[in-house]
Amino acid sequence: MSNPGDPFGGLGGDAAGGFGALFEQAQKMQAAMVTAQRELAEARIEGSAGGGLVTATVNGGGELVDLKISARAVDPDDTETLADLVLAAVRDATTNAHKLAEQKMAAATGGLGDILGGPGGGLPGGFPQLG
């Protein structure tokens, strides 16, 4: 039961101890988020289309950093299909980057990222919302 005169009554223990434990947990979460964001910034995530004819690589922020197109995908008389394959590969890579970011941030925040506004918890430097 909480004491109506104790504003920290729901935190457990005495007010100072409960608040201290909460603050310590928040610091650990912040450090884990910084680590996850650093890992995402360095990550390279691939996506492909056309059975591997087109492969796109994005970084953890979803920015396209590499694009490989097999010579078998190039038909000068059908550039629309190639364009569709490129778009599909980039979308696949971006989707994979989103999934990786969600996993890393969920691990860093103990699942609180959703409460705080999604991956990155809506904090500065959190994963950008793409698409």
N, C-alpha and C. Protein backbone atom coordinates (compact mmCIF):
# COMPACT_ATOMS: atom_id res chain seq x y z
N MET A 1 0.85 -1.19 0.00
CA MET A 1 0.00 0.00 0.00
C MET A 1 0.87 1.23 0.00
N SER A 2 0.45 2.21 -0.70
CA SER A 2 1.23 3.44 -0.72
C SER A 2 0.71 4.41 0.32
N ASN A 3 1.60 5.25 0.78
CA ASN A 3 1.28 6.27 1.76
C ASN A 3 0.83 7.51 0.99
N PRO A 4 -0.38 8.02 1.25
CA PRO A 4 -0.86 9.20 0.52
C PRO A 4 0.05 10.41 0.65
N GLY A 5 0.84 10.49 1.71
CA GLY A 5 1.74 11.62 1.89
C GLY A 5 3.09 11.43 1.21
N ASP A 6 3.31 10.27 0.59
CA ASP A 6 4.59 9.97 -0.05
C ASP A 6 4.42 10.00 -1.56
N PRO A 7 4.94 11.04 -2.23
CA PRO A 7 4.76 11.13 -3.67
C PRO A 7 5.47 10.02 -4.43
N PHE A 8 6.41 9.32 -3.79
CA PHE A 8 7.12 8.23 -4.44
C PHE A 8 6.64 6.87 -3.94
N GLY A 9 5.51 6.84 -3.30
CA GLY A 9 5.02 5.63 -2.67
C GLY A 9 4.89 4.45 -3.61
N GLY A 10 4.57 4.67 -4.86
CA GLY A 10 4.41 3.58 -5.81
C GLY A 10 5.72 3.03 -6.32
N LEU A 11 6.85 3.61 -5.94
CA LEU A 11 8.14 3.17 -6.46
C LEU A 11 8.77 2.08 -5.61
N GLY A 12 8.20 1.79 -4.49
CA GLY A 12 8.73 0.74 -3.64
C GLY A 12 9.80 1.27 -2.70
N GLY A 13 9.93 0.67 -1.54
CA GLY A 13 10.92 1.10 -0.55
C GLY A 13 10.64 2.50 -0.08
N ASP A 14 11.66 3.11 0.55
CA ASP A 14 11.46 4.50 0.94
C ASP A 14 11.58 5.37 -0.31
N ALA A 15 11.15 6.59 -0.22
CA ALA A 15 11.10 7.47 -1.39
C ALA A 15 12.46 7.64 -2.03
N ALA A 16 13.49 7.91 -1.25
CA ALA A 16 14.82 8.14 -1.80
C ALA A 16 15.36 6.88 -2.45
N GLY A 17 15.20 5.75 -1.78
CA GLY A 17 15.69 4.48 -2.33
C GLY A 17 14.97 4.09 -3.60
N GLY A 18 13.66 4.26 -3.60
CA GLY A 18 12.87 3.93 -4.78
C GLY A 18 13.21 4.81 -5.95
N PHE A 19 13.37 6.11 -5.68
CA PHE A 19 13.71 7.04 -6.75
C PHE A 19 15.12 6.77 -7.25
N GLY A 20 16.04 6.47 -6.34
CA GLY A 20 17.42 6.17 -6.73
C GLY A 20 17.50 4.96 -7.64
N ALA A 21 16.73 3.92 -7.29
CA ALA A 21 16.71 2.72 -8.12
C ALA A 21 16.13 3.01 -9.50
N LEU A 22 15.08 3.82 -9.52
CA LEU A 22 14.46 4.20 -10.79
C LEU A 22 15.44 5.00 -11.64
N PHE A 23 16.15 5.93 -11.01
CA PHE A 23 17.13 6.76 -11.72
C PHE A 23 18.26 5.90 -12.27
N GLU A 24 18.73 4.95 -11.46
CA GLU A 24 19.81 4.05 -11.90
C GLU A 24 19.36 3.22 -13.10
N GLN A 25 18.13 2.73 -13.04
CA GLN A 25 17.58 1.95 -14.16
C GLN A 25 17.48 2.80 -15.42
N ALA A 26 17.07 4.06 -15.27
CA ALA A 26 16.97 4.97 -16.42
C ALA A 26 18.35 5.22 -17.03
N GLN A 27 19.37 5.35 -16.20
CA GLN A 27 20.73 5.56 -16.71
C GLN A 27 21.21 4.33 -17.48
N LYS A 28 20.91 3.14 -16.97
CA LYS A 28 21.29 1.91 -17.66
C LYS A 28 20.59 1.82 -19.01
N MET A 29 19.30 2.18 -19.02
CA MET A 29 18.53 2.14 -20.25
C MET A 29 19.10 3.13 -21.26
N GLN A 30 19.46 4.32 -20.80
CA GLN A 30 20.03 5.33 -21.69
C GLN A 30 21.34 4.83 -22.30
N ALA A 31 22.19 4.22 -21.49
CA ALA A 31 23.46 3.70 -21.99
C ALA A 31 23.22 2.59 -23.01
N ALA A 32 22.25 1.73 -22.74
CA ALA A 32 21.92 0.66 -23.68
C ALA A 32 21.39 1.23 -24.99
N MET A 33 20.61 2.30 -24.92
CA MET A 33 20.08 2.92 -26.13
C MET A 33 21.20 3.56 -26.95
N VAL A 34 22.15 4.20 -26.29
CA VAL A 34 23.29 4.81 -27.00
C VAL A 34 24.07 3.72 -27.72
N THR A 35 24.30 2.59 -27.04
CA THR A 35 25.01 1.47 -27.66
C THR A 35 24.23 0.95 -28.86
N ALA A 36 22.93 0.77 -28.70
CA ALA A 36 22.10 0.27 -29.80
C ALA A 36 22.12 1.24 -30.98
N GLN A 37 22.05 2.53 -30.71
CA GLN A 37 22.09 3.53 -31.78
C GLN A 37 23.43 3.50 -32.50
N ARG A 38 24.51 3.32 -31.76
CA ARG A 38 25.85 3.24 -32.36
C ARG A 38 25.93 2.01 -33.26
N GLU A 39 25.42 0.88 -32.77
CA GLU A 39 25.43 -0.34 -33.56
C GLU A 39 24.60 -0.17 -34.83
N LEU A 40 23.45 0.49 -34.71
CA LEU A 40 22.62 0.72 -35.89
C LEU A 40 23.31 1.62 -36.90
N ALA A 41 24.00 2.64 -36.42
CA ALA A 41 24.69 3.56 -37.33
C ALA A 41 25.76 2.82 -38.14
N GLU A 42 26.36 1.80 -37.54
CA GLU A 42 27.42 1.04 -38.20
C GLU A 42 26.88 -0.14 -39.00
N ALA A 43 25.63 -0.50 -38.79
CA ALA A 43 25.05 -1.68 -39.44
C ALA A 43 24.87 -1.47 -40.94
N ARG A 44 25.00 -2.54 -41.68
CA ARG A 44 24.71 -2.56 -43.11
C ARG A 44 23.71 -3.68 -43.32
N ILE A 45 22.54 -3.34 -43.85
CA ILE A 45 21.45 -4.29 -43.99
C ILE A 45 21.11 -4.42 -45.46
N GLU A 46 20.98 -5.65 -45.93
CA GLU A 46 20.70 -5.89 -47.34
C GLU A 46 19.25 -6.24 -47.57
N GLY A 47 18.82 -5.96 -48.77
CA GLY A 47 17.53 -6.39 -49.28
C GLY A 47 17.74 -6.73 -50.74
N SER A 48 16.89 -7.60 -51.27
CA SER A 48 17.08 -7.99 -52.67
C SER A 48 15.75 -8.18 -53.36
N ALA A 49 15.83 -8.26 -54.68
CA ALA A 49 14.64 -8.48 -55.49
C ALA A 49 15.06 -9.25 -56.74
N GLY A 50 14.08 -9.87 -57.38
CA GLY A 50 14.36 -10.61 -58.60
C GLY A 50 15.26 -11.80 -58.38
N GLY A 51 15.12 -12.44 -57.23
CA GLY A 51 15.96 -13.60 -56.94
C GLY A 51 17.42 -13.25 -56.81
N GLY A 52 17.70 -12.04 -56.35
CA GLY A 52 19.08 -11.61 -56.15
C GLY A 52 19.66 -10.84 -57.33
N LEU A 53 18.84 -10.56 -58.35
CA LEU A 53 19.33 -9.78 -59.49
C LEU A 53 19.69 -8.35 -59.08
N VAL A 54 18.96 -7.84 -58.09
CA VAL A 54 19.23 -6.50 -57.57
C VAL A 54 19.36 -6.60 -56.05
N THR A 55 20.45 -6.07 -55.52
CA THR A 55 20.68 -6.07 -54.08
C THR A 55 20.95 -4.65 -53.62
N ALA A 56 20.18 -4.21 -52.64
CA ALA A 56 20.35 -2.88 -52.06
C ALA A 56 20.88 -3.04 -50.64
N THR A 57 21.76 -2.14 -50.25
CA THR A 57 22.29 -2.12 -48.89
C THR A 57 22.00 -0.76 -48.29
N VAL A 58 21.42 -0.77 -47.09
CA VAL A 58 21.14 0.47 -46.37
C VAL A 58 21.88 0.43 -45.05
N ASN A 59 22.09 1.61 -44.46
CA ASN A 59 22.67 1.64 -43.12
C ASN A 59 21.53 1.52 -42.11
N GLY A 60 21.87 1.53 -40.85
CA GLY A 60 20.87 1.37 -39.80
C GLY A 60 19.83 2.46 -39.76
N GLY A 61 20.11 3.60 -40.39
CA GLY A 61 19.15 4.69 -40.47
C GLY A 61 18.26 4.60 -41.70
N GLY A 62 18.45 3.56 -42.51
CA GLY A 62 17.63 3.38 -43.69
C GLY A 62 18.15 4.09 -44.93
N GLU A 63 19.35 4.68 -44.85
CA GLU A 63 19.93 5.40 -45.99
C GLU A 63 20.60 4.41 -46.94
N LEU A 64 20.30 4.52 -48.22
CA LEU A 64 20.89 3.65 -49.23
C LEU A 64 22.39 3.92 -49.32
N VAL A 65 23.21 2.87 -49.14
CA VAL A 65 24.66 3.05 -49.19
C VAL A 65 25.31 2.24 -50.31
N ASP A 66 24.58 1.27 -50.88
CA ASP A 66 25.14 0.49 -51.97
C ASP A 66 23.99 -0.13 -52.76
N LEU A 67 24.23 -0.32 -54.05
CA LEU A 67 23.24 -0.92 -54.94
C LEU A 67 24.00 -1.76 -55.96
N LYS A 68 23.65 -3.04 -56.05
CA LYS A 68 24.29 -3.94 -57.01
C LYS A 68 23.22 -4.46 -57.95
N ILE A 69 23.52 -4.37 -59.24
CA ILE A 69 22.59 -4.83 -60.27
C ILE A 69 23.32 -5.84 -61.14
N SER A 70 22.79 -7.04 -61.21
CA SER A 70 23.36 -8.08 -62.05
C SER A 70 23.17 -7.70 -63.52
N ALA A 71 24.15 -8.05 -64.34
CA ALA A 71 24.04 -7.79 -65.78
C ALA A 71 22.82 -8.50 -66.36
N ARG A 72 22.42 -9.61 -65.75
CA ARG A 72 21.24 -10.34 -66.24
C ARG A 72 19.95 -9.55 -66.02
N ALA A 73 19.98 -8.55 -65.15
CA ALA A 73 18.78 -7.74 -64.88
C ALA A 73 18.63 -6.59 -65.86
N VAL A 74 19.66 -6.35 -66.66
CA VAL A 74 19.66 -5.18 -67.55
C VAL A 74 19.16 -5.58 -68.94
N ASP A 75 18.03 -5.01 -69.30
CA ASP A 75 17.47 -5.17 -70.65
C ASP A 75 17.15 -3.77 -71.15
N PRO A 76 17.92 -3.27 -72.12
CA PRO A 76 17.71 -1.90 -72.60
C PRO A 76 16.29 -1.65 -73.10
N ASP A 77 15.60 -2.71 -73.50
CA ASP A 77 14.24 -2.55 -74.00
C ASP A 77 13.19 -2.62 -72.88
N ASP A 78 13.63 -2.89 -71.66
CA ASP A 78 12.68 -3.02 -70.54
C ASP A 78 13.27 -2.40 -69.27
N THR A 79 13.44 -1.11 -69.28
CA THR A 79 14.00 -0.42 -68.11
C THR A 79 13.00 -0.34 -66.96
N GLU A 80 11.71 -0.44 -67.26
CA GLU A 80 10.70 -0.37 -66.20
C GLU A 80 10.84 -1.54 -65.22
N THR A 81 11.11 -2.72 -65.75
CA THR A 81 11.28 -3.87 -64.87
C THR A 81 12.49 -3.68 -63.96
N LEU A 82 13.57 -3.17 -64.52
CA LEU A 82 14.76 -2.90 -63.71
C LEU A 82 14.45 -1.88 -62.62
N ALA A 83 13.74 -0.83 -62.98
CA ALA A 83 13.36 0.18 -61.99
C ALA A 83 12.52 -0.44 -60.88
N ASP A 84 11.58 -1.31 -61.25
CA ASP A 84 10.75 -1.99 -60.25
C ASP A 84 11.59 -2.86 -59.32
N LEU A 85 12.58 -3.56 -59.89
CA LEU A 85 13.46 -4.40 -59.08
C LEU A 85 14.28 -3.57 -58.11
N VAL A 86 14.77 -2.42 -58.58
CA VAL A 86 15.55 -1.54 -57.71
C VAL A 86 14.69 -1.05 -56.55
N LEU A 87 13.48 -0.59 -56.86
CA LEU A 87 12.58 -0.12 -55.80
C LEU A 87 12.27 -1.23 -54.81
N ALA A 88 12.00 -2.42 -55.32
CA ALA A 88 11.67 -3.54 -54.43
C ALA A 88 12.85 -3.90 -53.53
N ALA A 89 14.06 -3.88 -54.08
CA ALA A 89 15.24 -4.21 -53.28
C ALA A 89 15.48 -3.16 -52.20
N VAL A 90 15.31 -1.89 -52.54
CA VAL A 90 15.50 -0.81 -51.56
C VAL A 90 14.44 -0.92 -50.47
N ARG A 91 13.21 -1.18 -50.85
CA ARG A 91 12.14 -1.34 -49.84
C ARG A 91 12.43 -2.53 -48.92
N ASP A 92 12.91 -3.62 -49.50
CA ASP A 92 13.23 -4.80 -48.71
C ASP A 92 14.34 -4.48 -47.70
N ALA A 93 15.37 -3.81 -48.16
CA ALA A 93 16.48 -3.44 -47.27
C ALA A 93 16.00 -2.50 -46.17
N THR A 94 15.17 -1.53 -46.53
CA THR A 94 14.66 -0.57 -45.55
C THR A 94 13.78 -1.27 -44.52
N THR A 95 12.95 -2.19 -44.97
CA THR A 95 12.11 -2.97 -44.05
C THR A 95 12.99 -3.76 -43.09
N ASN A 96 14.04 -4.37 -43.62
CA ASN A 96 14.96 -5.13 -42.77
C ASN A 96 15.66 -4.22 -41.77
N ALA A 97 15.99 -3.00 -42.17
CA ALA A 97 16.62 -2.03 -41.26
C ALA A 97 15.65 -1.65 -40.14
N HIS A 98 14.38 -1.45 -40.49
CA HIS A 98 13.37 -1.13 -39.47
C HIS A 98 13.27 -2.27 -38.45
N LYS A 99 13.23 -3.49 -38.94
CA LYS A 99 13.11 -4.64 -38.04
C LYS A 99 14.31 -4.72 -37.10
N LEU A 100 15.51 -4.51 -37.65
CA LEU A 100 16.71 -4.54 -36.82
C LEU A 100 16.67 -3.45 -35.76
N ALA A 101 16.25 -2.25 -36.16
CA ALA A 101 16.16 -1.13 -35.21
C ALA A 101 15.16 -1.43 -34.11
N GLU A 102 14.02 -1.98 -34.48
CA GLU A 102 13.01 -2.32 -33.48
C GLU A 102 13.54 -3.35 -32.49
N GLN A 103 14.26 -4.36 -33.00
CA GLN A 103 14.82 -5.38 -32.12
C GLN A 103 15.85 -4.79 -31.17
N LYS A 104 16.75 -3.97 -31.70
CA LYS A 104 17.81 -3.40 -30.86
C LYS A 104 17.23 -2.44 -29.82
N MET A 105 16.28 -1.62 -30.22
CA MET A 105 15.71 -0.66 -29.27
C MET A 105 14.83 -1.36 -28.24
N ALA A 106 14.13 -2.41 -28.65
CA ALA A 106 13.33 -3.16 -27.68
C ALA A 106 14.24 -3.80 -26.64
N ALA A 107 15.37 -4.32 -27.10
CA ALA A 107 16.32 -4.92 -26.16
C ALA A 107 16.91 -3.85 -25.24
N ALA A 108 17.19 -2.68 -25.78
CA ALA A 108 17.80 -1.61 -24.99
C ALA A 108 16.84 -1.00 -23.98
N THR A 109 15.56 -0.92 -24.35
CA THR A 109 14.59 -0.25 -23.49
C THR A 109 13.74 -1.23 -22.69
N GLY A 110 13.98 -2.50 -22.87
CA GLY A 110 13.16 -3.48 -22.17
C GLY A 110 11.72 -3.42 -22.62
N GLY A 111 11.48 -3.03 -23.89
CA GLY A 111 10.14 -2.94 -24.44
C GLY A 111 9.46 -1.61 -24.20
N LEU A 112 10.13 -0.65 -23.54
CA LEU A 112 9.50 0.64 -23.26
C LEU A 112 9.50 1.58 -24.46
N GLY A 113 10.21 1.24 -25.53
CA GLY A 113 10.26 2.10 -26.71
C GLY A 113 8.88 2.40 -27.26
N ASP A 114 7.98 1.40 -27.24
CA ASP A 114 6.63 1.62 -27.74
C ASP A 114 5.90 2.67 -26.90
N ILE A 115 6.09 2.62 -25.60
CA ILE A 115 5.44 3.58 -24.71
C ILE A 115 5.98 4.98 -24.96
N LEU A 116 7.29 5.05 -25.26
CA LEU A 116 7.95 6.34 -25.42
C LEU A 116 7.91 6.86 -26.85
N GLY A 117 7.19 6.21 -27.74
CA GLY A 117 7.06 6.73 -29.10
C GLY A 117 7.68 5.86 -30.17
N GLY A 118 7.86 4.58 -29.93
CA GLY A 118 8.38 3.70 -30.95
C GLY A 118 9.87 3.51 -30.84
N PRO A 119 10.48 2.92 -31.89
CA PRO A 119 11.92 2.68 -31.86
C PRO A 119 12.68 3.95 -31.51
N GLY A 120 13.57 3.84 -30.58
CA GLY A 120 14.32 5.01 -30.15
C GLY A 120 13.60 5.79 -29.08
N GLY A 121 12.37 5.41 -28.78
CA GLY A 121 11.62 6.06 -27.72
C GLY A 121 11.31 7.51 -27.98
N GLY A 122 11.36 7.94 -29.22
CA GLY A 122 11.07 9.33 -29.53
C GLY A 122 12.15 10.27 -29.03
N LEU A 123 13.29 9.72 -28.63
CA LEU A 123 14.37 10.53 -28.11
C LEU A 123 15.26 11.02 -29.24
N PRO A 124 15.97 12.11 -29.05
CA PRO A 124 16.86 12.60 -30.10
C PRO A 124 17.82 11.50 -30.52
N GLY A 125 17.97 11.33 -31.81
CA GLY A 125 18.85 10.30 -32.33
C GLY A 125 18.18 8.95 -32.46
N GLY A 126 16.90 8.85 -32.12
CA GLY A 126 16.19 7.60 -32.28
C GLY A 126 16.06 7.26 -33.75
N PHE A 127 15.64 6.05 -34.05
CA PHE A 127 15.54 5.61 -35.43
C PHE A 127 14.51 6.45 -36.17
N PRO A 128 14.86 7.00 -37.32
CA PRO A 128 13.92 7.85 -38.05
C PRO A 128 12.77 7.04 -38.61
N GLN A 129 11.62 7.64 -38.67
CA GLN A 129 10.46 6.99 -39.25
C GLN A 129 10.51 7.16 -40.76
N LEU A 130 10.79 6.07 -41.46
CA LEU A 130 10.90 6.11 -42.92
C LEU A 130 9.65 5.52 -43.52
N GLY A 131 9.07 6.21 -44.44
CA GLY A 131 7.91 5.68 -45.16
C GLY A 131 6.76 5.70 -44.28
